[in-house]
Amino acid sequence: MRGMGNMQGMMKQMQKMQKEMATSQEDLNAREFVGVANGNMVTVTLTGDKKMKDIAIKPEAVDPEDVEMLQDLIILATNDALEKVEIETQAVMGKYTKGIPGL
């Protein structure tokens, strides 16, 4: 019988942790992350769930003779924002997987 009380306690802890994880994930998804390239010539804003919300390109970044440069700047800014999302995701959500085997 002792084991059952302990099991119920563990289940309550797991349910609490699941709720905390869901809340943390929702908060993270609502945050915005800005990636930049070449001194803010191109900025990309992503949400925590990696959805692009905005892109800003300064007029001086647009050169009809060098479209590839603009494409590269967009890629750099997007990757910068994605890296910021990933770092914050690990910081926020990583606390839930520490010490849990298999996660």
PDB file of N, CA and C in Angstrom:
ATOM      1  N   MET A   1       0.817  -1.198   0.000  1.00  0.00           N
ATOM      2  CA  MET A   1       0.000   0.000   0.000  1.00  0.00           C
ATOM      3  C   MET A   1       0.862   1.264   0.000  1.00  0.00           C
ATOM      4  N   ARG A   2       2.023   1.198   0.620  1.00  0.00           N
ATOM      5  CA  ARG A   2       2.880   2.380   0.655  1.00  0.00           C
ATOM      6  C   ARG A   2       3.256   2.835  -0.747  1.00  0.00           C
ATOM      7  N   GLY A   3       3.518   1.893  -1.614  1.00  0.00           N
ATOM      8  CA  GLY A   3       3.909   2.214  -2.978  1.00  0.00           C
ATOM      9  C   GLY A   3       2.846   2.977  -3.730  1.00  0.00           C
ATOM     10  N   MET A   4       1.577   2.729  -3.442  1.00  0.00           N
ATOM     11  CA  MET A   4       0.482   3.412  -4.132  1.00  0.00           C
ATOM     12  C   MET A   4       0.447   4.902  -3.793  1.00  0.00           C
ATOM     13  N   GLY A   5       0.665   5.248  -2.556  1.00  0.00           N
ATOM     14  CA  GLY A   5       0.691   6.663  -2.155  1.00  0.00           C
ATOM     15  C   GLY A   5       1.836   7.383  -2.840  1.00  0.00           C
ATOM     16  N   ASN A   6       2.978   6.713  -2.908  1.00  0.00           N
ATOM     17  CA  ASN A   6       4.135   7.287  -3.561  1.00  0.00           C
ATOM     18  C   ASN A   6       3.870   7.456  -5.062  1.00  0.00           C
ATOM     19  N   MET A   7       3.205   6.496  -5.652  1.00  0.00           N
ATOM     20  CA  MET A   7       2.882   6.549  -7.075  1.00  0.00           C
ATOM     21  C   MET A   7       1.921   7.700  -7.357  1.00  0.00           C
ATOM     22  N   GLN A   8       0.932   7.895  -6.495  1.00  0.00           N
ATOM     23  CA  GLN A   8      -0.009   9.001  -6.673  1.00  0.00           C
ATOM     24  C   GLN A   8       0.716  10.333  -6.564  1.00  0.00           C
ATOM     25  N   GLY A   9       1.650  10.417  -5.641  1.00  0.00           N
ATOM     26  CA  GLY A   9       2.440  11.641  -5.488  1.00  0.00           C
ATOM     27  C   GLY A   9       3.257  11.919  -6.737  1.00  0.00           C
ATOM     28  N   MET A  10       3.835  10.873  -7.284  1.00  0.00           N
ATOM     29  CA  MET A  10       4.621  11.028  -8.508  1.00  0.00           C
ATOM     30  C   MET A  10       3.734  11.470  -9.671  1.00  0.00           C
ATOM     31  N   MET A  11       2.544  10.886  -9.749  1.00  0.00           N
ATOM     32  CA  MET A  11       1.620  11.252 -10.823  1.00  0.00           C
ATOM     33  C   MET A  11       1.211  12.724 -10.711  1.00  0.00           C
ATOM     34  N   LYS A  12       0.963  13.185  -9.495  1.00  0.00           N
ATOM     35  CA  LYS A  12       0.605  14.589  -9.290  1.00  0.00           C
ATOM     36  C   LYS A  12       1.761  15.502  -9.694  1.00  0.00           C
ATOM     37  N   GLN A  13       2.975  15.089  -9.348  1.00  0.00           N
ATOM     38  CA  GLN A  13       4.145  15.878  -9.734  1.00  0.00           C
ATOM     39  C   GLN A  13       4.283  15.929 -11.256  1.00  0.00           C
ATOM     40  N   MET A  14       4.056  14.810 -11.912  1.00  0.00           N
ATOM     41  CA  MET A  14       4.162  14.761 -13.371  1.00  0.00           C
ATOM     42  C   MET A  14       3.087  15.645 -14.018  1.00  0.00           C
ATOM     43  N   GLN A  15       1.876  15.609 -13.491  1.00  0.00           N
ATOM     44  CA  GLN A  15       0.803  16.445 -14.035  1.00  0.00           C
ATOM     45  C   GLN A  15       1.131  17.922 -13.851  1.00  0.00           C
ATOM     46  N   LYS A  16       1.675  18.260 -12.688  1.00  0.00           N
ATOM     47  CA  LYS A  16       2.065  19.641 -12.417  1.00  0.00           C
ATOM     48  C   LYS A  16       3.159  20.069 -13.394  1.00  0.00           C
ATOM     49  N   MET A  17       4.126  19.192 -13.600  1.00  0.00           N
ATOM     50  CA  MET A  17       5.221  19.500 -14.511  1.00  0.00           C
ATOM     51  C   MET A  17       4.710  19.658 -15.946  1.00  0.00           C
ATOM     52  N   GLN A  18       3.752  18.821 -16.346  1.00  0.00           N
ATOM     53  CA  GLN A  18       3.180  18.922 -17.688  1.00  0.00           C
ATOM     54  C   GLN A  18       2.493  20.273 -17.877  1.00  0.00           C
ATOM     55  N   LYS A  19       1.763  20.728 -16.877  1.00  0.00           N
ATOM     56  CA  LYS A  19       1.101  22.025 -16.955  1.00  0.00           C
ATOM     57  C   LYS A  19       2.126  23.149 -17.040  1.00  0.00           C
ATOM     58  N   GLU A  20       3.179  23.051 -16.236  1.00  0.00           N
ATOM     59  CA  GLU A  20       4.231  24.067 -16.266  1.00  0.00           C
ATOM     60  C   GLU A  20       4.921  24.091 -17.627  1.00  0.00           C
ATOM     61  N   MET A  21       5.169  22.909 -18.188  1.00  0.00           N
ATOM     62  CA  MET A  21       5.801  22.822 -19.502  1.00  0.00           C
ATOM     63  C   MET A  21       4.915  23.464 -20.565  1.00  0.00           C
ATOM     64  N   ALA A  22       3.636  23.183 -20.528  1.00  0.00           N
ATOM     65  CA  ALA A  22       2.702  23.741 -21.509  1.00  0.00           C
ATOM     66  C   ALA A  22       2.657  25.269 -21.396  1.00  0.00           C
ATOM     67  N   THR A  23       2.628  25.769 -20.177  1.00  0.00           N
ATOM     68  CA  THR A  23       2.623  27.213 -19.956  1.00  0.00           C
ATOM     69  C   THR A  23       3.920  27.837 -20.453  1.00  0.00           C
ATOM     70  N   SER A  24       5.043  27.202 -20.145  1.00  0.00           N
ATOM     71  CA  SER A  24       6.337  27.707 -20.607  1.00  0.00           C
ATOM     72  C   SER A  24       6.411  27.716 -22.122  1.00  0.00           C
ATOM     73  N   GLN A  25       5.905  26.670 -22.757  1.00  0.00           N
ATOM     74  CA  GLN A  25       5.932  26.594 -24.218  1.00  0.00           C
ATOM     75  C   GLN A  25       5.055  27.681 -24.827  1.00  0.00           C
ATOM     76  N   GLU A  26       3.883  27.917 -24.254  1.00  0.00           N
ATOM     77  CA  GLU A  26       3.000  28.973 -24.748  1.00  0.00           C
ATOM     78  C   GLU A  26       3.659  30.335 -24.614  1.00  0.00           C
ATOM     79  N   ASP A  27       4.301  30.582 -23.465  1.00  0.00           N
ATOM     80  CA  ASP A  27       4.992  31.857 -23.254  1.00  0.00           C
ATOM     81  C   ASP A  27       6.129  32.026 -24.259  1.00  0.00           C
ATOM     82  N   LEU A  28       6.866  30.956 -24.473  1.00  0.00           N
ATOM     83  CA  LEU A  28       7.969  30.988 -25.427  1.00  0.00           C
ATOM     84  C   LEU A  28       7.456  31.260 -26.841  1.00  0.00           C
ATOM     85  N   ASN A  29       6.383  30.606 -27.231  1.00  0.00           N
ATOM     86  CA  ASN A  29       5.817  30.787 -28.571  1.00  0.00           C
ATOM     87  C   ASN A  29       5.343  32.215 -28.809  1.00  0.00           C
ATOM     88  N   ALA A  30       4.923  32.890 -27.758  1.00  0.00           N
ATOM     89  CA  ALA A  30       4.415  34.255 -27.886  1.00  0.00           C
ATOM     90  C   ALA A  30       5.540  35.290 -27.983  1.00  0.00           C
ATOM     91  N   ARG A  31       6.743  34.915 -27.593  1.00  0.00           N
ATOM     92  CA  ARG A  31       7.869  35.854 -27.636  1.00  0.00           C
ATOM     93  C   ARG A  31       8.333  36.094 -29.062  1.00  0.00           C
ATOM     94  N   GLU A  32       8.997  37.219 -29.263  1.00  0.00           N
ATOM     95  CA  GLU A  32       9.542  37.556 -30.568  1.00  0.00           C
ATOM     96  C   GLU A  32      11.061  37.578 -30.501  1.00  0.00           C
ATOM     97  N   PHE A  33      11.684  37.107 -31.569  1.00  0.00           N
ATOM     98  CA  PHE A  33      13.134  37.045 -31.675  1.00  0.00           C
ATOM     99  C   PHE A  33      13.538  37.728 -32.972  1.00  0.00           C
ATOM    100  N   VAL A  34      14.481  38.658 -32.875  1.00  0.00           N
ATOM    101  CA  VAL A  34      14.894  39.431 -34.045  1.00  0.00           C
ATOM    102  C   VAL A  34      16.294  39.001 -34.450  1.00  0.00           C
ATOM    103  N   GLY A  35      16.398  38.614 -35.710  1.00  0.00           N
ATOM    104  CA  GLY A  35      17.692  38.293 -36.290  1.00  0.00           C
ATOM    105  C   GLY A  35      18.114  39.423 -37.200  1.00  0.00           C
ATOM    106  N   VAL A  36      19.413  39.678 -37.235  1.00  0.00           N
ATOM    107  CA  VAL A  36      19.919  40.786 -38.040  1.00  0.00           C
ATOM    108  C   VAL A  36      21.054  40.319 -38.939  1.00  0.00           C
ATOM    109  N   ALA A  37      21.257  41.068 -39.993  1.00  0.00           N
ATOM    110  CA  ALA A  37      22.384  40.804 -40.886  1.00  0.00           C
ATOM    111  C   ALA A  37      22.965  42.126 -41.359  1.00  0.00           C
ATOM    112  N   ASN A  38      24.269  42.144 -41.437  1.00  0.00           N
ATOM    113  CA  ASN A  38      25.016  43.265 -42.006  1.00  0.00           C
ATOM    114  C   ASN A  38      24.608  44.607 -41.410  1.00  0.00           C
ATOM    115  N   GLY A  39      24.751  44.706 -40.097  1.00  0.00           N
ATOM    116  CA  GLY A  39      24.455  45.973 -39.427  1.00  0.00           C
ATOM    117  C   GLY A  39      23.022  46.422 -39.562  1.00  0.00           C
ATOM    118  N   ASN A  40      22.100  45.516 -39.402  1.00  0.00           N
ATOM    119  CA  ASN A  40      20.661  45.795 -39.457  1.00  0.00           C
ATOM    120  C   ASN A  40      20.145  46.166 -40.848  1.00  0.00           C
ATOM    121  N   MET A  41      20.908  45.825 -41.875  1.00  0.00           N
ATOM    122  CA  MET A  41      20.418  46.076 -43.244  1.00  0.00           C
ATOM    123  C   MET A  41      19.173  45.230 -43.492  1.00  0.00           C
ATOM    124  N   VAL A  42      19.170  44.030 -42.915  1.00  0.00           N
ATOM    125  CA  VAL A  42      18.010  43.146 -42.994  1.00  0.00           C
ATOM    126  C   VAL A  42      17.720  42.655 -41.580  1.00  0.00           C
ATOM    127  N   THR A  43      16.473  42.778 -41.158  1.00  0.00           N
ATOM    128  CA  THR A  43      16.059  42.210 -39.873  1.00  0.00           C
ATOM    129  C   THR A  43      14.864  41.298 -40.112  1.00  0.00           C
ATOM    130  N   VAL A  44      14.872  40.199 -39.385  1.00  0.00           N
ATOM    131  CA  VAL A  44      13.799  39.216 -39.479  1.00  0.00           C
ATOM    132  C   VAL A  44      13.274  38.987 -38.068  1.00  0.00           C
ATOM    133  N   THR A  45      11.970  39.023 -37.908  1.00  0.00           N
ATOM    134  CA  THR A  45      11.353  38.773 -36.606  1.00  0.00           C
ATOM    135  C   THR A  45      10.591  37.460 -36.679  1.00  0.00           C
ATOM    136  N   LEU A  46      10.930  36.558 -35.741  1.00  0.00           N
ATOM    137  CA  LEU A  46      10.257  35.271 -35.635  1.00  0.00           C
ATOM    138  C   LEU A  46       9.598  35.166 -34.278  1.00  0.00           C
ATOM    139  N   THR A  47       8.562  34.359 -34.210  1.00  0.00           N
ATOM    140  CA  THR A  47       7.977  34.029 -32.911  1.00  0.00           C
ATOM    141  C   THR A  47       8.711  32.803 -32.370  1.00  0.00           C
ATOM    142  N   GLY A  48       8.474  32.490 -31.118  1.00  0.00           N
ATOM    143  CA  GLY A  48       9.146  31.357 -30.485  1.00  0.00           C
ATOM    144  C   GLY A  48       8.812  30.025 -31.121  1.00  0.00           C
ATOM    145  N   ASP A  49       7.717  29.948 -31.848  1.00  0.00           N
ATOM    146  CA  ASP A  49       7.388  28.703 -32.542  1.00  0.00           C
ATOM    147  C   ASP A  49       7.866  28.738 -33.999  1.00  0.00           C
ATOM    148  N   LYS A  50       8.847  29.634 -34.252  1.00  0.00           N
ATOM    149  CA  LYS A  50       9.572  29.705 -35.523  1.00  0.00           C
ATOM    150  C   LYS A  50       8.713  30.121 -36.710  1.00  0.00           C
ATOM    151  N   LYS A  51       7.757  30.985 -36.459  1.00  0.00           N
ATOM    152  CA  LYS A  51       6.940  31.552 -37.528  1.00  0.00           C
ATOM    153  C   LYS A  51       7.456  32.961 -37.813  1.00  0.00           C
ATOM    154  N   MET A  52       7.673  33.276 -39.101  1.00  0.00           N
ATOM    155  CA  MET A  52       8.153  34.601 -39.442  1.00  0.00           C
ATOM    156  C   MET A  52       7.013  35.595 -39.290  1.00  0.00           C
ATOM    157  N   LYS A  53       7.293  36.646 -38.550  1.00  0.00           N
ATOM    158  CA  LYS A  53       6.281  37.662 -38.280  1.00  0.00           C
ATOM    159  C   LYS A  53       6.547  38.927 -39.082  1.00  0.00           C
ATOM    160  N   ASP A  54       7.831  39.212 -39.334  1.00  0.00           N
ATOM    161  CA  ASP A  54       8.159  40.445 -40.032  1.00  0.00           C
ATOM    162  C   ASP A  54       9.540  40.312 -40.666  1.00  0.00           C
ATOM    163  N   ILE A  55       9.721  41.060 -41.726  1.00  0.00           N
ATOM    164  CA  ILE A  55      11.031  41.199 -42.347  1.00  0.00           C
ATOM    165  C   ILE A  55      11.162  42.656 -42.750  1.00  0.00           C
ATOM    166  N   ALA A  56      12.304  43.243 -42.451  1.00  0.00           N
ATOM    167  CA  ALA A  56      12.554  44.636 -42.817  1.00  0.00           C
ATOM    168  C   ALA A  56      13.865  44.695 -43.592  1.00  0.00           C
ATOM    169  N   ILE A  57      13.801  45.342 -44.743  1.00  0.00           N
ATOM    170  CA  ILE A  57      14.971  45.466 -45.601  1.00  0.00           C
ATOM    171  C   ILE A  57      15.183  46.955 -45.873  1.00  0.00           C
ATOM    172  N   LYS A  58      16.350  47.451 -45.497  1.00  0.00           N
ATOM    173  CA  LYS A  58      16.653  48.857 -45.755  1.00  0.00           C
ATOM    174  C   LYS A  58      16.859  49.053 -47.249  1.00  0.00           C
ATOM    175  N   PRO A  59      16.407  50.177 -47.776  1.00  0.00           N
ATOM    176  CA  PRO A  59      16.513  50.429 -49.217  1.00  0.00           C
ATOM    177  C   PRO A  59      17.938  50.283 -49.761  1.00  0.00           C
ATOM    178  N   GLU A  60      18.924  50.678 -48.964  1.00  0.00           N
ATOM    179  CA  GLU A  60      20.308  50.585 -49.441  1.00  0.00           C
ATOM    180  C   GLU A  60      20.799  49.140 -49.565  1.00  0.00           C
ATOM    181  N   ALA A  61      20.038  48.188 -49.016  1.00  0.00           N
ATOM    182  CA  ALA A  61      20.392  46.777 -49.171  1.00  0.00           C
ATOM    183  C   ALA A  61      19.925  46.219 -50.507  1.00  0.00           C
ATOM    184  N   VAL A  62      19.078  46.970 -51.200  1.00  0.00           N
ATOM    185  CA  VAL A  62      18.511  46.505 -52.462  1.00  0.00           C
ATOM    186  C   VAL A  62      19.344  47.048 -53.625  1.00  0.00           C
ATOM    187  N   ASP A  63      20.023  46.140 -54.290  1.00  0.00           N
ATOM    188  CA  ASP A  63      20.813  46.478 -55.470  1.00  0.00           C
ATOM    189  C   ASP A  63      20.367  45.550 -56.594  1.00  0.00           C
ATOM    190  N   PRO A  64      19.664  46.077 -57.576  1.00  0.00           N
ATOM    191  CA  PRO A  64      19.174  45.213 -58.662  1.00  0.00           C
ATOM    192  C   PRO A  64      20.287  44.449 -59.372  1.00  0.00           C
ATOM    193  N   GLU A  65      21.510  44.953 -59.268  1.00  0.00           N
ATOM    194  CA  GLU A  65      22.655  44.298 -59.901  1.00  0.00           C
ATOM    195  C   GLU A  65      23.188  43.139 -59.055  1.00  0.00           C
ATOM    196  N   ASP A  66      22.754  43.082 -57.781  1.00  0.00           N
ATOM    197  CA  ASP A  66      23.312  42.069 -56.881  1.00  0.00           C
ATOM    198  C   ASP A  66      22.201  41.463 -56.010  1.00  0.00           C
ATOM    199  N   VAL A  67      21.269  40.808 -56.626  1.00  0.00           N
ATOM    200  CA  VAL A  67      20.149  40.183 -55.917  1.00  0.00           C
ATOM    201  C   VAL A  67      20.650  39.099 -54.963  1.00  0.00           C
ATOM    202  N   GLU A  68      21.714  38.419 -55.360  1.00  0.00           N
ATOM    203  CA  GLU A  68      22.248  37.348 -54.514  1.00  0.00           C
ATOM    204  C   GLU A  68      22.675  37.864 -53.148  1.00  0.00           C
ATOM    205  N   MET A  69      23.212  39.078 -53.092  1.00  0.00           N
ATOM    206  CA  MET A  69      23.629  39.662 -51.811  1.00  0.00           C
ATOM    207  C   MET A  69      22.420  39.835 -50.902  1.00  0.00           C
ATOM    208  N   LEU A  70      21.321  40.330 -51.438  1.00  0.00           N
ATOM    209  CA  LEU A  70      20.104  40.500 -50.640  1.00  0.00           C
ATOM    210  C   LEU A  70      19.591  39.148 -50.156  1.00  0.00           C
ATOM    211  N   GLN A  71      19.620  38.173 -51.019  1.00  0.00           N
ATOM    212  CA  GLN A  71      19.190  36.825 -50.621  1.00  0.00           C
ATOM    213  C   GLN A  71      20.059  36.303 -49.477  1.00  0.00           C
ATOM    214  N   ASP A  72      21.357  36.505 -49.573  1.00  0.00           N
ATOM    215  CA  ASP A  72      22.269  36.069 -48.516  1.00  0.00           C
ATOM    216  C   ASP A  72      21.971  36.777 -47.193  1.00  0.00           C
ATOM    217  N   LEU A  73      21.681  38.077 -47.267  1.00  0.00           N
ATOM    218  CA  LEU A  73      21.372  38.832 -46.047  1.00  0.00           C
ATOM    219  C   LEU A  73      20.090  38.318 -45.394  1.00  0.00           C
ATOM    220  N   ILE A  74      19.108  37.987 -46.194  1.00  0.00           N
ATOM    221  CA  ILE A  74      17.853  37.450 -45.655  1.00  0.00           C
ATOM    222  C   ILE A  74      18.111  36.107 -44.970  1.00  0.00           C
ATOM    223  N   ILE A  75      18.904  35.276 -45.610  1.00  0.00           N
ATOM    224  CA  ILE A  75      19.237  33.973 -45.009  1.00  0.00           C
ATOM    225  C   ILE A  75      19.994  34.169 -43.701  1.00  0.00           C
ATOM    226  N   LEU A  76      20.976  35.066 -43.695  1.00  0.00           N
ATOM    227  CA  LEU A  76      21.752  35.315 -42.477  1.00  0.00           C
ATOM    228  C   LEU A  76      20.865  35.819 -41.337  1.00  0.00           C
ATOM    229  N   ALA A  77      19.995  36.765 -41.639  1.00  0.00           N
ATOM    230  CA  ALA A  77      19.111  37.312 -40.600  1.00  0.00           C
ATOM    231  C   ALA A  77      18.145  36.250 -40.085  1.00  0.00           C
ATOM    232  N   THR A  78      17.612  35.438 -40.985  1.00  0.00           N
ATOM    233  CA  THR A  78      16.686  34.370 -40.584  1.00  0.00           C
ATOM    234  C   THR A  78      17.398  33.347 -39.713  1.00  0.00           C
ATOM    235  N   ASN A  79      18.579  32.940 -40.123  1.00  0.00           N
ATOM    236  CA  ASN A  79      19.331  31.971 -39.317  1.00  0.00           C
ATOM    237  C   ASN A  79      19.727  32.537 -37.963  1.00  0.00           C
ATOM    238  N   ASP A  80      20.016  33.829 -37.906  1.00  0.00           N
ATOM    239  CA  ASP A  80      20.340  34.479 -36.637  1.00  0.00           C
ATOM    240  C   ASP A  80      19.133  34.428 -35.698  1.00  0.00           C
ATOM    241  N   ALA A  81      17.956  34.730 -36.228  1.00  0.00           N
ATOM    242  CA  ALA A  81      16.735  34.675 -35.414  1.00  0.00           C
ATOM    243  C   ALA A  81      16.441  33.246 -34.970  1.00  0.00           C
ATOM    244  N   LEU A  82      16.602  32.289 -35.875  1.00  0.00           N
ATOM    245  CA  LEU A  82      16.359  30.879 -35.521  1.00  0.00           C
ATOM    246  C   LEU A  82      17.299  30.411 -34.417  1.00  0.00           C
ATOM    247  N   GLU A  83      18.544  30.838 -34.478  1.00  0.00           N
ATOM    248  CA  GLU A  83      19.505  30.466 -33.440  1.00  0.00           C
ATOM    249  C   GLU A  83      19.085  31.042 -32.092  1.00  0.00           C
ATOM    250  N   LYS A  84      18.591  32.271 -32.090  1.00  0.00           N
ATOM    251  CA  LYS A  84      18.125  32.890 -30.847  1.00  0.00           C
ATOM    252  C   LYS A  84      16.924  32.137 -30.286  1.00  0.00           C
ATOM    253  N   VAL A  85      16.014  31.719 -31.150  1.00  0.00           N
ATOM    254  CA  VAL A  85      14.859  30.932 -30.709  1.00  0.00           C
ATOM    255  C   VAL A  85      15.350  29.623 -30.084  1.00  0.00           C
ATOM    256  N   GLU A  86      16.282  28.956 -30.737  1.00  0.00           N
ATOM    257  CA  GLU A  86      16.780  27.665 -30.254  1.00  0.00           C
ATOM    258  C   GLU A  86      17.473  27.800 -28.898  1.00  0.00           C
ATOM    259  N   ILE A  87      18.292  28.825 -28.743  1.00  0.00           N
ATOM    260  CA  ILE A  87      18.991  29.046 -27.472  1.00  0.00           C
ATOM    261  C   ILE A  87      17.983  29.281 -26.346  1.00  0.00           C
ATOM    262  N   GLU A  88      16.986  30.117 -26.608  1.00  0.00           N
ATOM    263  CA  GLU A  88      15.987  30.403 -25.573  1.00  0.00           C
ATOM    264  C   GLU A  88      15.120  29.180 -25.291  1.00  0.00           C
ATOM    265  N   THR A  89      14.799  28.420 -26.314  1.00  0.00           N
ATOM    266  CA  THR A  89      14.013  27.196 -26.123  1.00  0.00           C
ATOM    267  C   THR A  89      14.764  26.230 -25.219  1.00  0.00           C
ATOM    268  N   GLN A  90      16.047  26.064 -25.463  1.00  0.00           N
ATOM    269  CA  GLN A  90      16.849  25.174 -24.614  1.00  0.00           C
ATOM    270  C   GLN A  90      16.914  25.696 -23.178  1.00  0.00           C
ATOM    271  N   ALA A  91      17.045  27.001 -23.027  1.00  0.00           N
ATOM    272  CA  ALA A  91      17.119  27.585 -21.692  1.00  0.00           C
ATOM    273  C   ALA A  91      15.806  27.408 -20.927  1.00  0.00           C
ATOM    274  N   VAL A  92      14.686  27.613 -21.619  1.00  0.00           N
ATOM    275  CA  VAL A  92      13.380  27.544 -20.958  1.00  0.00           C
ATOM    276  C   VAL A  92      12.913  26.108 -20.768  1.00  0.00           C
ATOM    277  N   MET A  93      12.984  25.321 -21.830  1.00  0.00           N
ATOM    278  CA  MET A  93      12.412  23.967 -21.785  1.00  0.00           C
ATOM    279  C   MET A  93      13.407  22.923 -21.269  1.00  0.00           C
ATOM    280  N   GLY A  94      14.685  23.230 -21.331  1.00  0.00           N
ATOM    281  CA  GLY A  94      15.693  22.260 -20.909  1.00  0.00           C
ATOM    282  C   GLY A  94      15.589  21.888 -19.437  1.00  0.00           C
ATOM    283  N   LYS A  95      15.082  22.789 -18.622  1.00  0.00           N
ATOM    284  CA  LYS A  95      14.969  22.494 -17.187  1.00  0.00           C
ATOM    285  C   LYS A  95      14.000  21.346 -16.913  1.00  0.00           C
ATOM    286  N   TYR A  96      13.096  21.092 -17.857  1.00  0.00           N
ATOM    287  CA  TYR A  96      12.118  20.021 -17.652  1.00  0.00           C
ATOM    288  C   TYR A  96      12.687  18.658 -17.996  1.00  0.00           C
ATOM    289  N   THR A  97      13.747  18.621 -18.770  1.00  0.00           N
ATOM    290  CA  THR A  97      14.278  17.323 -19.192  1.00  0.00           C
ATOM    291  C   THR A  97      15.527  16.913 -18.402  1.00  0.00           C
ATOM    292  N   LYS A  98      16.081  17.809 -17.618  1.00  0.00           N
ATOM    293  CA  LYS A  98      17.265  17.462 -16.824  1.00  0.00           C
ATOM    294  C   LYS A  98      16.889  16.424 -15.777  1.00  0.00           C
ATOM    295  N   GLY A  99      17.669  15.390 -15.739  1.00  0.00           N
ATOM    296  CA  GLY A  99      17.473  14.357 -14.739  1.00  0.00           C
ATOM    297  C   GLY A  99      16.394  13.341 -15.069  1.00  0.00           C
ATOM    298  N   ILE A 100      15.761  13.481 -16.236  1.00  0.00           N
ATOM    299  CA  ILE A 100      14.738  12.514 -16.633  1.00  0.00           C
ATOM    300  C   ILE A 100      15.350  11.630 -17.708  1.00  0.00           C
ATOM    301  N   PRO A 101      15.585  10.376 -17.417  1.00  0.00           N
ATOM    302  CA  PRO A 101      16.198   9.487 -18.405  1.00  0.00           C
ATOM    303  C   PRO A 101      15.359   9.383 -19.679  1.00  0.00           C
ATOM    304  N   GLY A 102      16.054   9.406 -20.793  1.00  0.00           N
ATOM    305  CA  GLY A 102      15.380   9.237 -22.077  1.00  0.00           C
ATOM    306  C   GLY A 102      14.866  10.524 -22.689  1.00  0.00           C
ATOM    307  N   LEU A 103      14.997  11.659 -21.989  1.00  0.00           N
ATOM    308  CA  LEU A 103      14.527  12.937 -22.547  1.00  0.00           C
ATOM    309  C   LEU A 103      15.687  13.850 -22.835  1.00  0.00           C
TER     310      LEU A 103
END
